[in-house]
C-alpha atoms as a PDB file:
ATOM      1  CA  MET A   1     -17.243 136.632 142.378  1.00  0.00           C
ATOM      2  CA  TYR A   2     -14.811 133.565 143.265  1.00  0.00           C
ATOM      3  CA  ILE A   3     -10.815 134.595 143.825  1.00  0.00           C
ATOM      4  CA  SER A   4      -9.535 136.769 146.494  1.00  0.00           C
ATOM      5  CA  SER A   5      -9.922 140.834 145.187  1.00  0.00           C
ATOM      6  CA  ILE A   6      -5.611 140.749 145.882  1.00  0.00           C
ATOM      7  CA  THR A   7      -5.272 138.464 143.678  1.00  0.00           C
ATOM      8  CA  PRO A   8      -7.471 139.517 140.165  1.00  0.00           C
ATOM      9  CA  TYR A   9      -4.953 137.075 137.904  1.00  0.00           C
ATOM     10  CA  TYR A  10      -3.402 133.580 138.481  1.00  0.00           C
ATOM     11  CA  THR A  11      -1.727 133.745 141.428  1.00  0.00           C
ATOM     12  CA  PRO A  12       0.724 130.765 142.603  1.00  0.00           C
ATOM     13  CA  ILE A  13      -1.696 132.385 145.662  1.00  0.00           C
ATOM     14  CA  ASN A  14      -4.511 131.463 143.812  1.00  0.00           C
ATOM     15  CA  PRO A  15      -4.089 128.273 141.416  1.00  0.00           C
ATOM     16  CA  TYR A  16      -7.823 127.946 141.954  1.00  0.00           C
ATOM     17  CA  TYR A  17      -8.595 131.149 139.252  1.00  0.00           C
ATOM     18  CA  ASN A  18     -10.867 129.475 137.084  1.00  0.00           C
ATOM     19  CA  SER A  19     -11.922 127.074 138.770  1.00  0.00           C
ATOM     20  CA  ASN A  20     -16.229 127.092 139.385  1.00  0.00           C
ATOM     21  CA  PRO A  21     -16.463 127.079 142.365  1.00  0.00           C
ATOM     22  CA  ALA A  22     -19.908 125.907 141.809  1.00  0.00           C
ATOM     23  CA  PHE A  23     -18.740 122.658 141.249  1.00  0.00           C
ATOM     24  CA  GLY A  24     -16.156 122.163 144.646  1.00  0.00           C
ATOM     25  CA  ALA A  25     -13.581 124.076 143.934  1.00  0.00           C
ATOM     26  CA  ARG A  26     -11.298 124.763 146.498  1.00  0.00           C
ATOM     27  CA  ILE A  27     -10.618 127.814 147.590  1.00  0.00           C
ATOM     28  CA  PRO A  28      -7.851 128.373 149.370  1.00  0.00           C
ATOM     29  CA  LYS A  29      -8.206 130.693 153.037  1.00  0.00           C
ATOM     30  CA  ILE A  30      -6.231 134.548 152.646  1.00  0.00           C
ATOM     31  CA  THR A  31      -4.130 134.732 155.645  1.00  0.00           C
ATOM     32  CA  PRO A  32      -1.846 137.363 156.083  1.00  0.00           C
ATOM     33  CA  ALA A  33       1.544 135.664 155.595  1.00  0.00           C
ATOM     34  CA  LEU A  34      -0.280 134.973 152.030  1.00  0.00           C
ATOM     35  CA  LYS A  35      -1.057 138.203 151.103  1.00  0.00           C
ATOM     36  CA  GLN A  36       2.464 139.296 152.682  1.00  0.00           C
ATOM     37  CA  GLU A  37       4.062 136.543 150.858  1.00  0.00           C
ATOM     38  CA  TYR A  38       1.865 137.772 147.495  1.00  0.00           C
ATOM     39  CA  ALA A  39       3.290 141.454 148.203  1.00  0.00           C
ATOM     40  CA  ASP A  40       6.078 141.164 149.095  1.00  0.00           C
ATOM     41  CA  LEU A  41       7.112 138.430 145.563  1.00  0.00           C
ATOM     42  CA  ARG A  42       4.992 140.919 143.392  1.00  0.00           C
ATOM     43  CA  VAL A  43       8.080 141.946 141.600  1.00  0.00           C
ATOM     44  CA  PHE A  44       9.265 138.632 141.378  1.00  0.00           C
ATOM     45  CA  HIS A  45       5.495 137.800 139.547  1.00  0.00           C
ATOM     46  CA  HIS A  46       5.819 140.618 137.415  1.00  0.00           C
ATOM     47  CA  HIS A  47       9.219 140.070 136.047  1.00  0.00           C
ATOM     48  CA  ILE A  48       7.488 135.684 134.602  1.00  0.00           C
ATOM     49  CA  TYR A  49       5.065 138.926 132.573  1.00  0.00           C
ATOM     50  CA  GLU A  50       7.516 140.316 131.708  1.00  0.00           C
ATOM     51  CA  PHE A  51       9.457 136.598 130.584  1.00  0.00           C
ATOM     52  CA  LYS A  52       6.458 135.362 128.985  1.00  0.00           C
ATOM     53  CA  LYS A  53       6.268 138.339 127.182  1.00  0.00           C
ATOM     54  CA  GLY A  54       9.045 138.286 125.181  1.00  0.00           C
ATOM     55  CA  ILE A  55      10.683 142.101 126.545  1.00  0.00           C
ATOM     56  CA  ARG A  56      13.613 140.338 128.227  1.00  0.00           C
ATOM     57  CA  ASN A  57      15.774 136.831 127.542  1.00  0.00           C
ATOM     58  CA  LEU A  58      16.837 136.142 131.504  1.00  0.00           C
ATOM     59  CA  ILE A  59      16.079 137.932 134.795  1.00  0.00           C
ATOM     60  CA  LEU A  60      17.802 138.566 137.866  1.00  0.00           C
ATOM     61  CA  THR A  61      16.252 139.255 141.345  1.00  0.00           C
ATOM     62  CA  THR A  62      16.932 139.038 144.655  1.00  0.00           C
ATOM     63  CA  GLU A  63      14.485 137.560 147.442  1.00  0.00           C
ATOM     64  CA  LYS A  64      13.950 136.753 150.607  1.00  0.00           C
ATOM     65  CA  ALA A  65      15.228 133.721 150.652  1.00  0.00           C
ATOM     66  CA  VAL A  66      12.386 131.928 152.842  1.00  0.00           C
ATOM     67  CA  TYR A  67       9.985 132.351 149.560  1.00  0.00           C
ATOM     68  CA  LYS A  68      12.399 129.961 147.374  1.00  0.00           C
ATOM     69  CA  LYS A  69       9.542 126.854 147.428  1.00  0.00           C
ATOM     70  CA  PRO A  70       7.218 129.574 146.272  1.00  0.00           C
ATOM     71  CA  ILE A  71       9.097 130.708 143.722  1.00  0.00           C
ATOM     72  CA  GLU A  72      10.880 127.142 142.558  1.00  0.00           C
ATOM     73  CA  GLU A  73       7.392 126.216 142.217  1.00  0.00           C
ATOM     74  CA  ARG A  74       5.555 128.854 140.243  1.00  0.00           C
ATOM     75  CA  LEU A  75       8.912 128.742 138.017  1.00  0.00           C
ATOM     76  CA  ASN A  76       8.720 124.687 137.316  1.00  0.00           C
ATOM     77  CA  ASN A  77       5.001 124.671 137.405  1.00  0.00           C
ATOM     78  CA  GLU A  78       5.331 128.013 134.108  1.00  0.00           C
ATOM     79  CA  LYS A  79       8.392 125.321 132.752  1.00  0.00           C
ATOM     80  CA  ILE A  80      10.507 128.524 133.300  1.00  0.00           C
ATOM     81  CA  ASP A  81      14.567 127.318 133.735  1.00  0.00           C
ATOM     82  CA  TYR A  82      16.364 128.864 136.717  1.00  0.00           C
ATOM     83  CA  VAL A  83      19.094 129.451 138.938  1.00  0.00           C
ATOM     84  CA  ILE A  84      18.627 130.055 142.527  1.00  0.00           C
ATOM     85  CA  HIS A  85      22.035 131.050 145.057  1.00  0.00           C
ATOM     86  CA  ASP A  86      21.879 131.932 148.019  1.00  0.00           C
ATOM     87  CA  ILE A  87      23.595 135.089 148.673  1.00  0.00           C
ATOM     88  CA  GLY A  88      23.784 135.650 152.537  1.00  0.00           C
ATOM     89  CA  ASN A  89      21.482 137.435 154.907  1.00  0.00           C
ATOM     90  CA  ASN A  90      18.539 135.496 153.976  1.00  0.00           C
ATOM     91  CA  LYS A  91      18.232 136.846 150.946  1.00  0.00           C
ATOM     92  CA  ILE A  92      18.513 134.433 147.007  1.00  0.00           C
ATOM     93  CA  ASN A  93      19.513 135.767 144.228  1.00  0.00           C
ATOM     94  CA  VAL A  94      16.469 134.695 141.485  1.00  0.00           C
ATOM     95  CA  TYR A  95      18.017 133.836 137.515  1.00  0.00           C
ATOM     96  CA  PHE A  96      15.153 132.952 135.232  1.00  0.00           C
ATOM     97  CA  GLY A  97      14.790 132.772 132.184  1.00  0.00           C
ATOM     98  CA  ALA A  98      15.827 131.489 128.175  1.00  0.00           C
ATOM     99  CA  PRO A  99      18.060 127.586 129.560  1.00  0.00           C
ATOM    100  CA  GLN A 100      20.556 129.477 126.750  1.00  0.00           C
ATOM    101  CA  CYS A 101      21.182 132.028 129.288  1.00  0.00           C
ATOM    102  CA  VAL A 102      20.359 130.140 132.610  1.00  0.00           C
ATOM    103  CA  ASN A 103      23.356 127.884 131.586  1.00  0.00           C
ATOM    104  CA  VAL A 104      25.903 130.421 131.164  1.00  0.00           C
ATOM    105  CA  VAL A 105      24.814 131.864 134.433  1.00  0.00           C
ATOM    106  CA  ARG A 106      25.355 128.523 135.640  1.00  0.00           C
ATOM    107  CA  THR A 107      28.991 128.768 134.824  1.00  0.00           C
ATOM    108  CA  PHE A 108      29.362 131.564 136.732  1.00  0.00           C
ATOM    109  CA  ASN A 109      30.597 132.317 140.269  1.00  0.00           C
ATOM    110  CA  PRO A 110      27.382 132.781 142.658  1.00  0.00           C
ATOM    111  CA  LYS A 111      28.965 135.710 144.301  1.00  0.00           C
ATOM    112  CA  LEU A 112      28.524 139.148 141.829  1.00  0.00           C
ATOM    113  CA  ASN A 113      31.328 140.114 143.028  1.00  0.00           C
ATOM    114  CA  GLN A 114      33.676 137.297 142.378  1.00  0.00           C
ATOM    115  CA  LEU A 115      33.084 137.807 138.674  1.00  0.00           C
ATOM    116  CA  THR A 116      35.267 138.412 136.198  1.00  0.00           C
ATOM    117  CA  ALA A 117      35.629 141.516 134.151  1.00  0.00           C
ATOM    118  CA  GLU A 118      34.241 139.740 131.470  1.00  0.00           C
ATOM    119  CA  GLN A 119      31.702 137.536 132.615  1.00  0.00           C
ATOM    120  CA  ASP A 120      29.891 140.556 134.885  1.00  0.00           C
ATOM    121  CA  PHE A 121      29.914 142.390 130.729  1.00  0.00           C
ATOM    122  CA  ILE A 122      28.197 139.168 129.870  1.00  0.00           C
ATOM    123  CA  LEU A 123      25.599 139.170 132.318  1.00  0.00           C
ATOM    124  CA  GLY A 124      25.021 142.689 131.885  1.00  0.00           C
ATOM    125  CA  ILE A 125      24.319 142.916 128.691  1.00  0.00           C
ATOM    126  CA  MET A 126      22.630 139.490 128.913  1.00  0.00           C
ATOM    127  CA  LEU A 127      19.872 141.361 131.775  1.00  0.00           C
ATOM    128  CA  GLY A 128      19.120 143.976 128.918  1.00  0.00           C
ATOM    129  CA  TYR A 129      21.394 146.662 130.877  1.00  0.00           C
ATOM    130  CA  ASP A 130      22.710 149.533 128.214  1.00  0.00           C
ATOM    131  CA  ARG A 131      25.472 148.407 125.862  1.00  0.00           C
ATOM    132  CA  VAL A 132      27.534 151.357 125.849  1.00  0.00           C
ATOM    133  CA  LYS A 133      27.318 151.476 129.880  1.00  0.00           C
ATOM    134  CA  GLN A 134      28.330 147.561 129.854  1.00  0.00           C
ATOM    135  CA  CYS A 135      31.322 148.642 127.400  1.00  0.00           C
ATOM    136  CA  GLU A 136      32.128 151.947 129.634  1.00  0.00           C
ATOM    137  CA  ARG A 137      31.929 149.529 132.972  1.00  0.00           C
ATOM    138  CA  TYR A 138      34.045 147.145 131.435  1.00  0.00           C
ATOM    139  CA  MET A 139      37.117 149.506 130.353  1.00  0.00           C
ATOM    140  CA  ASN A 140      36.479 150.469 134.298  1.00  0.00           C
ATOM    141  CA  ILE A 141      36.638 146.806 135.538  1.00  0.00           C
ATOM    142  CA  LYS A 142      39.702 146.266 133.283  1.00  0.00           C
ATOM    143  CA  ASN A 143      42.095 149.388 133.997  1.00  0.00           C
ATOM    144  CA  ASN A 144      41.330 148.972 137.949  1.00  0.00           C
ATOM    145  CA  ILE A 145      39.119 152.221 138.280  1.00  0.00           C
ATOM    146  CA  ILE A 146      36.429 149.715 139.247  1.00  0.00           C
ATOM    147  CA  LYS A 147      37.539 147.481 141.454  1.00  0.00           C
ATOM    148  CA  LEU A 148      35.234 143.686 141.852  1.00  0.00           C
ATOM    149  CA  HIS A 149      35.316 143.032 146.009  1.00  0.00           C
ATOM    150  CA  GLY A 150      36.814 139.523 145.238  1.00  0.00           C
ATOM    151  CA  LYS A 151      40.129 140.694 142.984  1.00  0.00           C
END
């Protein structure tokens, strides 16, 4: 087998997954750093699977900022619309999915604690959160029971 045992299917770590080594395909060396990247981005890769299967229309995942470039490369290679916000502490929020949903996210403040009650509600619904709980959360924010830090 010419695919690394840690990458049994296509991942950015093994872009040659369907290349035939008999025809001179280069197999990238799996380094400890590459193994760590794959482990750290495992949930991110699963979210891509869920989006492509139609399970979700919009995904929000928080990742280490050092992985911004490989995340962008994977989303560009998969032709998935995305927006990335730097949230400090060497972390990024990555939103990706249907262009219609990502375009709505682009209109929001990158700081989630500064969203309006309406934006908070819309984002929760687009991310697939429970509708009734989102309605309760919205009313709690409007009645100042829950305070968003930016307000």
